[in-house]
Amino acid sequence: MSVETGRQRPSGPRAELKRQAIVRAARELFLREGFGVGMDAIAAAAGVSKVTVYNHFGSKEALFTAVITSALDEPLAGESAAALEGLAEAEDLRAALVDAARAWVHAVRTNDEVAALRNLVAAELHRFPELGEAWRHHGTESHHPAVADALRGLAGQGRLAIPDLQVAVLQFYGLLVFPHMVFSSYGTQIDDDLTERLVTGGVDMFLAHYGPRGAQG
């Protein structure tokens, strides 16, 4: 199966609106019916032809990957995005990072649809191993561009020393978000007190490693 990477997809305002409609329709149908839903049904729900769907995405695997990618970025919108964007101007970097982390983790914990989509990926991998390959082609920074941009900016200011941005993004994600993904996959949640300890402890660990000469500010 082909993946979306490297394809020349339709461009322009109208094409983007169609693309967004396809992703919205696919997300709803994937959540309701699983990965086995037909492309005809997705096209009909989006109000476009099946040819248009394939022109934009090339395959169902690529469309599914686009749905998951956009969903994983949702917790980094709104308050989370504002907090990340404000890091560059923060006088107290630790406090600002803790606030940004709290907003991100709260959004992850309260977005049931994103959790359901993650579980759907896990459920379908045994039947569609190409999903993992399609996901791999997107790369770490494209999964969480807001985090990558924020860390890159802080490194550019000399407030963090990050020799490998890909590793830093994964470590930041692993410290803050991954524990909640593990618990949600078992149908439960980390309580509020432990969540707060994970946030503050995770930020401290991140700054201890990436702060220039161990400085945290």
C-alpha atoms as a PDB file:
ATOM      1  CA  MET A   1       0.000   0.000   0.000  1.00  0.00           C
ATOM      2  CA  SER A   2       1.210   3.514  -0.707  1.00  0.00           C
ATOM      3  CA  VAL A   3       1.449   6.157   1.971  1.00  0.00           C
ATOM      4  CA  GLU A   4       0.782   9.844   1.721  1.00  0.00           C
ATOM      5  CA  THR A   5       4.439  10.812   2.060  1.00  0.00           C
ATOM      6  CA  GLY A   6       5.894  12.057  -1.237  1.00  0.00           C
ATOM      7  CA  ARG A   7       2.536  12.285  -3.079  1.00  0.00           C
ATOM      8  CA  GLN A   8       1.406  15.448  -4.868  1.00  0.00           C
ATOM      9  CA  ARG A   9      -2.014  15.982  -3.380  1.00  0.00           C
ATOM     10  CA  PRO A  10      -4.633  18.529  -4.568  1.00  0.00           C
ATOM     11  CA  SER A  11      -3.938  22.023  -3.288  1.00  0.00           C
ATOM     12  CA  GLY A  12      -5.749  25.309  -2.834  1.00  0.00           C
ATOM     13  CA  PRO A  13      -8.567  26.502  -0.532  1.00  0.00           C
ATOM     14  CA  ARG A  14     -11.266  24.278  -2.031  1.00  0.00           C
ATOM     15  CA  ALA A  15      -9.053  21.224  -1.932  1.00  0.00           C
ATOM     16  CA  GLU A  16      -8.181  21.913   1.716  1.00  0.00           C
ATOM     17  CA  LEU A  17     -11.862  22.166   2.634  1.00  0.00           C
ATOM     18  CA  LYS A  18     -12.508  18.819   0.945  1.00  0.00           C
ATOM     19  CA  ARG A  19      -9.529  17.295   2.725  1.00  0.00           C
ATOM     20  CA  GLN A  20     -10.820  18.478   6.102  1.00  0.00           C
ATOM     21  CA  ALA A  21     -14.300  17.126   5.320  1.00  0.00           C
ATOM     22  CA  ILE A  22     -12.818  13.740   4.400  1.00  0.00           C
ATOM     23  CA  VAL A  23     -10.776  13.548   7.615  1.00  0.00           C
ATOM     24  CA  ARG A  24     -13.818  14.502   9.742  1.00  0.00           C
ATOM     25  CA  ALA A  25     -16.029  11.924   8.042  1.00  0.00           C
ATOM     26  CA  ALA A  26     -13.358   9.226   8.254  1.00  0.00           C
ATOM     27  CA  ARG A  27     -12.780   9.902  11.934  1.00  0.00           C
ATOM     28  CA  GLU A  28     -16.468   9.527  12.749  1.00  0.00           C
ATOM     29  CA  LEU A  29     -16.814   6.335  10.732  1.00  0.00           C
ATOM     30  CA  PHE A  30     -13.574   4.778  11.973  1.00  0.00           C
ATOM     31  CA  LEU A  31     -14.691   5.360  15.553  1.00  0.00           C
ATOM     32  CA  ARG A  32     -18.139   3.928  14.887  1.00  0.00           C
ATOM     33  CA  GLU A  33     -17.329   1.006  12.573  1.00  0.00           C
ATOM     34  CA  GLY A  34     -13.582   0.402  12.860  1.00  0.00           C
ATOM     35  CA  PHE A  35     -10.944   0.316  10.152  1.00  0.00           C
ATOM     36  CA  GLY A  36     -13.058  -2.040   8.055  1.00  0.00           C
ATOM     37  CA  VAL A  37     -15.418   0.768   6.959  1.00  0.00           C
ATOM     38  CA  GLY A  38     -15.466   1.171   3.177  1.00  0.00           C
ATOM     39  CA  MET A  39     -13.986   4.109   1.318  1.00  0.00           C
ATOM     40  CA  ASP A  40     -17.326   4.493  -0.468  1.00  0.00           C
ATOM     41  CA  ALA A  41     -18.999   5.178   2.870  1.00  0.00           C
ATOM     42  CA  ILE A  42     -16.306   7.680   3.859  1.00  0.00           C
ATOM     43  CA  ALA A  43     -16.632   9.489   0.536  1.00  0.00           C
ATOM     44  CA  ALA A  44     -20.414   9.650   0.840  1.00  0.00           C
ATOM     45  CA  ALA A  45     -20.231  10.996   4.402  1.00  0.00           C
ATOM     46  CA  ALA A  46     -17.733  13.655   3.288  1.00  0.00           C
ATOM     47  CA  GLY A  47     -19.857  14.644   0.290  1.00  0.00           C
ATOM     48  CA  VAL A  48     -17.126  13.843  -2.245  1.00  0.00           C
ATOM     49  CA  SER A  49     -16.365  11.075  -4.709  1.00  0.00           C
ATOM     50  CA  LYS A  50     -14.219   8.083  -3.867  1.00  0.00           C
ATOM     51  CA  VAL A  51     -11.772   9.269  -6.542  1.00  0.00           C
ATOM     52  CA  THR A  52     -11.388  12.542  -4.618  1.00  0.00           C
ATOM     53  CA  VAL A  53     -10.609  10.631  -1.430  1.00  0.00           C
ATOM     54  CA  TYR A  54      -7.889   8.641  -3.199  1.00  0.00           C
ATOM     55  CA  ASN A  55      -6.521  11.770  -4.888  1.00  0.00           C
ATOM     56  CA  HIS A  56      -5.986  13.323  -1.461  1.00  0.00           C
ATOM     57  CA  PHE A  57      -4.767  10.284   0.459  1.00  0.00           C
ATOM     58  CA  GLY A  58      -3.838   7.460  -1.904  1.00  0.00           C
ATOM     59  CA  SER A  59      -4.941   4.660   0.420  1.00  0.00           C
ATOM     60  CA  LYS A  60      -7.126   3.926   3.412  1.00  0.00           C
ATOM     61  CA  GLU A  61      -3.987   3.446   5.510  1.00  0.00           C
ATOM     62  CA  ALA A  62      -2.793   6.961   4.629  1.00  0.00           C
ATOM     63  CA  LEU A  63      -6.230   8.384   5.424  1.00  0.00           C
ATOM     64  CA  PHE A  64      -6.302   6.557   8.741  1.00  0.00           C
ATOM     65  CA  THR A  65      -2.849   7.905   9.566  1.00  0.00           C
ATOM     66  CA  ALA A  66      -4.024  11.442   8.763  1.00  0.00           C
ATOM     67  CA  VAL A  67      -7.010  10.974  11.076  1.00  0.00           C
ATOM     68  CA  ILE A  68      -4.801   9.747  13.921  1.00  0.00           C
ATOM     69  CA  THR A  69      -2.191  12.465  13.375  1.00  0.00           C
ATOM     70  CA  SER A  70      -4.763  15.259  13.466  1.00  0.00           C
ATOM     71  CA  ALA A  71      -6.403  13.723  16.541  1.00  0.00           C
ATOM     72  CA  LEU A  72      -3.126  13.474  18.455  1.00  0.00           C
ATOM     73  CA  ASP A  73      -2.515  17.163  17.777  1.00  0.00           C
ATOM     74  CA  GLU A  74      -5.861  18.154  19.353  1.00  0.00           C
ATOM     75  CA  PRO A  75      -4.567  18.180  22.953  1.00  0.00           C
ATOM     76  CA  LEU A  76      -1.947  20.677  21.760  1.00  0.00           C
ATOM     77  CA  ALA A  77      -4.581  23.182  20.648  1.00  0.00           C
ATOM     78  CA  GLY A  78      -6.282  25.915  22.668  1.00  0.00           C
ATOM     79  CA  GLU A  79      -4.766  26.513  26.087  1.00  0.00           C
ATOM     80  CA  SER A  80      -1.955  24.040  25.455  1.00  0.00           C
ATOM     81  CA  ALA A  81      -0.879  25.837  22.278  1.00  0.00           C
ATOM     82  CA  ALA A  82      -0.994  29.230  23.971  1.00  0.00           C
ATOM     83  CA  ALA A  83       1.103  27.947  26.858  1.00  0.00           C
ATOM     84  CA  LEU A  84       3.684  26.453  24.498  1.00  0.00           C
ATOM     85  CA  GLU A  85       3.856  29.621  22.415  1.00  0.00           C
ATOM     86  CA  GLY A  86       4.412  31.680  25.573  1.00  0.00           C
ATOM     87  CA  LEU A  87       7.480  29.699  26.651  1.00  0.00           C
ATOM     88  CA  ALA A  88       9.841  31.878  24.631  1.00  0.00           C
ATOM     89  CA  GLU A  89       8.807  34.981  26.611  1.00  0.00           C
ATOM     90  CA  ALA A  90       8.580  33.332  30.044  1.00  0.00           C
ATOM     91  CA  GLU A  91      10.832  34.731  32.758  1.00  0.00           C
ATOM     92  CA  ASP A  92      10.482  31.586  34.868  1.00  0.00           C
ATOM     93  CA  LEU A  93      10.957  28.735  32.410  1.00  0.00           C
ATOM     94  CA  ARG A  94      10.211  25.969  34.907  1.00  0.00           C
ATOM     95  CA  ALA A  95       6.902  27.519  35.981  1.00  0.00           C
ATOM     96  CA  ALA A  96       5.919  28.109  32.356  1.00  0.00           C
ATOM     97  CA  LEU A  97       6.808  24.548  31.368  1.00  0.00           C
ATOM     98  CA  VAL A  98       4.795  23.155  34.282  1.00  0.00           C
ATOM     99  CA  ASP A  99       1.771  25.233  33.217  1.00  0.00           C
ATOM    100  CA  ALA A 100       2.133  24.072  29.593  1.00  0.00           C
ATOM    101  CA  ALA A 101       2.531  20.467  30.720  1.00  0.00           C
ATOM    102  CA  ARG A 102      -0.559  20.656  32.936  1.00  0.00           C
ATOM    103  CA  ALA A 103      -2.645  21.999  30.045  1.00  0.00           C
ATOM    104  CA  TRP A 104      -1.373  19.308  27.665  1.00  0.00           C
ATOM    105  CA  VAL A 105      -1.889  16.445  30.103  1.00  0.00           C
ATOM    106  CA  HIS A 106      -5.366  17.693  31.058  1.00  0.00           C
ATOM    107  CA  ALA A 107      -6.371  17.777  27.390  1.00  0.00           C
ATOM    108  CA  VAL A 108      -5.026  14.253  26.853  1.00  0.00           C
ATOM    109  CA  ARG A 109      -6.860  12.913  29.916  1.00  0.00           C
ATOM    110  CA  THR A 110     -10.208  14.428  28.959  1.00  0.00           C
ATOM    111  CA  ASN A 111     -10.313  13.702  25.207  1.00  0.00           C
ATOM    112  CA  ASP A 112     -12.147  10.390  25.021  1.00  0.00           C
ATOM    113  CA  GLU A 113     -12.197  10.306  21.208  1.00  0.00           C
ATOM    114  CA  VAL A 114      -8.424  10.494  20.968  1.00  0.00           C
ATOM    115  CA  ALA A 115      -8.127   7.633  23.454  1.00  0.00           C
ATOM    116  CA  ALA A 116     -10.616   5.606  21.414  1.00  0.00           C
ATOM    117  CA  LEU A 117      -8.628   6.221  18.223  1.00  0.00           C
ATOM    118  CA  ARG A 118      -5.397   5.122  19.903  1.00  0.00           C
ATOM    119  CA  ASN A 119      -7.097   1.924  21.037  1.00  0.00           C
ATOM    120  CA  LEU A 120      -8.402   1.402  17.503  1.00  0.00           C
ATOM    121  CA  VAL A 121      -4.849   1.591  16.144  1.00  0.00           C
ATOM    122  CA  ALA A 122      -3.732  -1.046  18.649  1.00  0.00           C
ATOM    123  CA  ALA A 123      -6.690  -3.269  17.773  1.00  0.00           C
ATOM    124  CA  GLU A 124      -6.082  -3.108  14.012  1.00  0.00           C
ATOM    125  CA  LEU A 125      -2.301  -3.516  13.854  1.00  0.00           C
ATOM    126  CA  HIS A 126      -2.420  -7.310  13.733  1.00  0.00           C
ATOM    127  CA  ARG A 127      -4.610  -7.185  10.624  1.00  0.00           C
ATOM    128  CA  PHE A 128      -3.044  -4.117   9.020  1.00  0.00           C
ATOM    129  CA  PRO A 129       0.679  -3.951   9.874  1.00  0.00           C
ATOM    130  CA  GLU A 130       1.080  -1.346   7.112  1.00  0.00           C
ATOM    131  CA  LEU A 131      -0.569   1.146   9.486  1.00  0.00           C
ATOM    132  CA  GLY A 132       2.586   1.131  11.566  1.00  0.00           C
ATOM    133  CA  GLU A 133       4.714   1.729   8.485  1.00  0.00           C
ATOM    134  CA  ALA A 134       2.508   4.624   7.395  1.00  0.00           C
ATOM    135  CA  TRP A 135       2.737   6.121  10.884  1.00  0.00           C
ATOM    136  CA  ARG A 136       6.533   5.737  10.932  1.00  0.00           C
ATOM    137  CA  HIS A 137       6.877   7.781   7.745  1.00  0.00           C
ATOM    138  CA  HIS A 138       5.420  10.875   9.428  1.00  0.00           C
ATOM    139  CA  GLY A 139       8.331  11.287  11.841  1.00  0.00           C
ATOM    140  CA  THR A 140       8.377  12.493  15.427  1.00  0.00           C
ATOM    141  CA  GLU A 141       8.267  16.222  14.788  1.00  0.00           C
ATOM    142  CA  SER A 142       5.263  15.972  12.469  1.00  0.00           C
ATOM    143  CA  HIS A 143       3.275  14.178  15.181  1.00  0.00           C
ATOM    144  CA  HIS A 144       3.732  16.988  17.701  1.00  0.00           C
ATOM    145  CA  PRO A 145       4.905  20.079  15.790  1.00  0.00           C
ATOM    146  CA  ALA A 146       3.838  22.506  18.534  1.00  0.00           C
ATOM    147  CA  VAL A 147       6.117  20.778  21.042  1.00  0.00           C
ATOM    148  CA  ALA A 148       8.961  20.538  18.527  1.00  0.00           C
ATOM    149  CA  ASP A 149       8.621  24.233  17.649  1.00  0.00           C
ATOM    150  CA  ALA A 150       8.578  25.282  21.308  1.00  0.00           C
ATOM    151  CA  LEU A 151      11.655  23.233  22.206  1.00  0.00           C
ATOM    152  CA  ARG A 152      13.480  24.361  19.062  1.00  0.00           C
ATOM    153  CA  GLY A 153      12.780  27.987  19.966  1.00  0.00           C
ATOM    154  CA  LEU A 154      14.062  27.574  23.527  1.00  0.00           C
ATOM    155  CA  ALA A 155      17.195  25.879  22.222  1.00  0.00           C
ATOM    156  CA  GLY A 156      17.703  28.755  19.795  1.00  0.00           C
ATOM    157  CA  GLN A 157      17.532  31.191  22.713  1.00  0.00           C
ATOM    158  CA  GLY A 158      20.122  29.176  24.588  1.00  0.00           C
ATOM    159  CA  ARG A 159      17.662  28.425  27.395  1.00  0.00           C
ATOM    160  CA  LEU A 160      17.828  24.706  26.650  1.00  0.00           C
ATOM    161  CA  ALA A 161      20.686  22.661  25.247  1.00  0.00           C
ATOM    162  CA  ILE A 162      19.103  20.129  22.861  1.00  0.00           C
ATOM    163  CA  PRO A 163      21.535  18.257  20.608  1.00  0.00           C
ATOM    164  CA  ASP A 164      18.837  15.907  19.242  1.00  0.00           C
ATOM    165  CA  LEU A 165      15.368  17.429  18.890  1.00  0.00           C
ATOM    166  CA  GLN A 166      13.722  14.143  17.908  1.00  0.00           C
ATOM    167  CA  VAL A 167      14.903  12.486  21.106  1.00  0.00           C
ATOM    168  CA  ALA A 168      13.921  15.521  23.210  1.00  0.00           C
ATOM    169  CA  VAL A 169      10.357  15.561  21.830  1.00  0.00           C
ATOM    170  CA  LEU A 170       9.948  11.848  22.534  1.00  0.00           C
ATOM    171  CA  GLN A 171      11.355  12.204  26.034  1.00  0.00           C
ATOM    172  CA  PHE A 172       9.103  15.165  26.850  1.00  0.00           C
ATOM    173  CA  TYR A 173       6.118  13.207  25.532  1.00  0.00           C
ATOM    174  CA  GLY A 174       7.184  10.085  27.418  1.00  0.00           C
ATOM    175  CA  LEU A 175       7.563  11.880  30.741  1.00  0.00           C
ATOM    176  CA  LEU A 176       4.240  13.720  30.552  1.00  0.00           C
ATOM    177  CA  VAL A 177       1.734  11.933  28.331  1.00  0.00           C
ATOM    178  CA  PHE A 178       2.745   8.309  27.900  1.00  0.00           C
ATOM    179  CA  PRO A 179       1.783   7.180  31.443  1.00  0.00           C
ATOM    180  CA  HIS A 180      -1.790   8.350  30.809  1.00  0.00           C
ATOM    181  CA  MET A 181      -1.919   6.519  27.472  1.00  0.00           C
ATOM    182  CA  VAL A 182      -0.877   3.284  29.178  1.00  0.00           C
ATOM    183  CA  PHE A 183      -3.509   3.605  31.888  1.00  0.00           C
ATOM    184  CA  SER A 184      -6.264   4.599  29.437  1.00  0.00           C
ATOM    185  CA  SER A 185      -5.514   1.519  27.310  1.00  0.00           C
ATOM    186  CA  TYR A 186      -6.562  -0.536  30.348  1.00  0.00           C
ATOM    187  CA  GLY A 187      -9.724   1.500  30.855  1.00  0.00           C
ATOM    188  CA  THR A 188      -8.581   3.477  33.887  1.00  0.00           C
ATOM    189  CA  GLN A 189      -6.931   6.793  34.789  1.00  0.00           C
ATOM    190  CA  ILE A 190      -4.082   8.095  36.903  1.00  0.00           C
ATOM    191  CA  ASP A 191      -5.537  10.080  39.804  1.00  0.00           C
ATOM    192  CA  ASP A 192      -5.144  13.859  40.087  1.00  0.00           C
ATOM    193  CA  ASP A 193      -2.504  13.811  42.806  1.00  0.00           C
ATOM    194  CA  LEU A 194      -0.220  11.418  40.943  1.00  0.00           C
ATOM    195  CA  THR A 195      -0.840  13.342  37.709  1.00  0.00           C
ATOM    196  CA  GLU A 196       0.438  16.532  39.332  1.00  0.00           C
ATOM    197  CA  ARG A 197       3.510  14.742  40.686  1.00  0.00           C
ATOM    198  CA  LEU A 198       4.229  13.288  37.253  1.00  0.00           C
ATOM    199  CA  VAL A 199       3.932  16.736  35.665  1.00  0.00           C
ATOM    200  CA  THR A 200       6.219  18.555  38.079  1.00  0.00           C
ATOM    201  CA  GLY A 201       8.663  15.666  38.337  1.00  0.00           C
ATOM    202  CA  GLY A 202       8.712  15.213  34.565  1.00  0.00           C
ATOM    203  CA  VAL A 203       9.461  18.896  33.944  1.00  0.00           C
ATOM    204  CA  ASP A 204      12.219  18.836  36.565  1.00  0.00           C
ATOM    205  CA  MET A 205      13.798  15.759  34.985  1.00  0.00           C
ATOM    206  CA  PHE A 206      13.592  17.320  31.519  1.00  0.00           C
ATOM    207  CA  LEU A 207      15.176  20.577  32.670  1.00  0.00           C
ATOM    208  CA  ALA A 208      17.853  18.779  34.662  1.00  0.00           C
ATOM    209  CA  HIS A 209      18.932  17.023  31.479  1.00  0.00           C
ATOM    210  CA  TYR A 210      18.444  19.790  28.904  1.00  0.00           C
ATOM    211  CA  GLY A 211      18.979  22.950  30.932  1.00  0.00           C
ATOM    212  CA  PRO A 212      22.284  24.594  29.973  1.00  0.00           C
ATOM    213  CA  ARG A 213      24.819  23.514  32.603  1.00  0.00           C
ATOM    214  CA  GLY A 214      21.932  22.281  34.760  1.00  0.00           C
ATOM    215  CA  ALA A 215      20.257  25.696  35.049  1.00  0.00           C
ATOM    216  CA  GLN A 216      16.467  25.636  35.359  1.00  0.00           C
ATOM    217  CA  GLY A 217      15.297  29.037  34.205  1.00  0.00           C
END
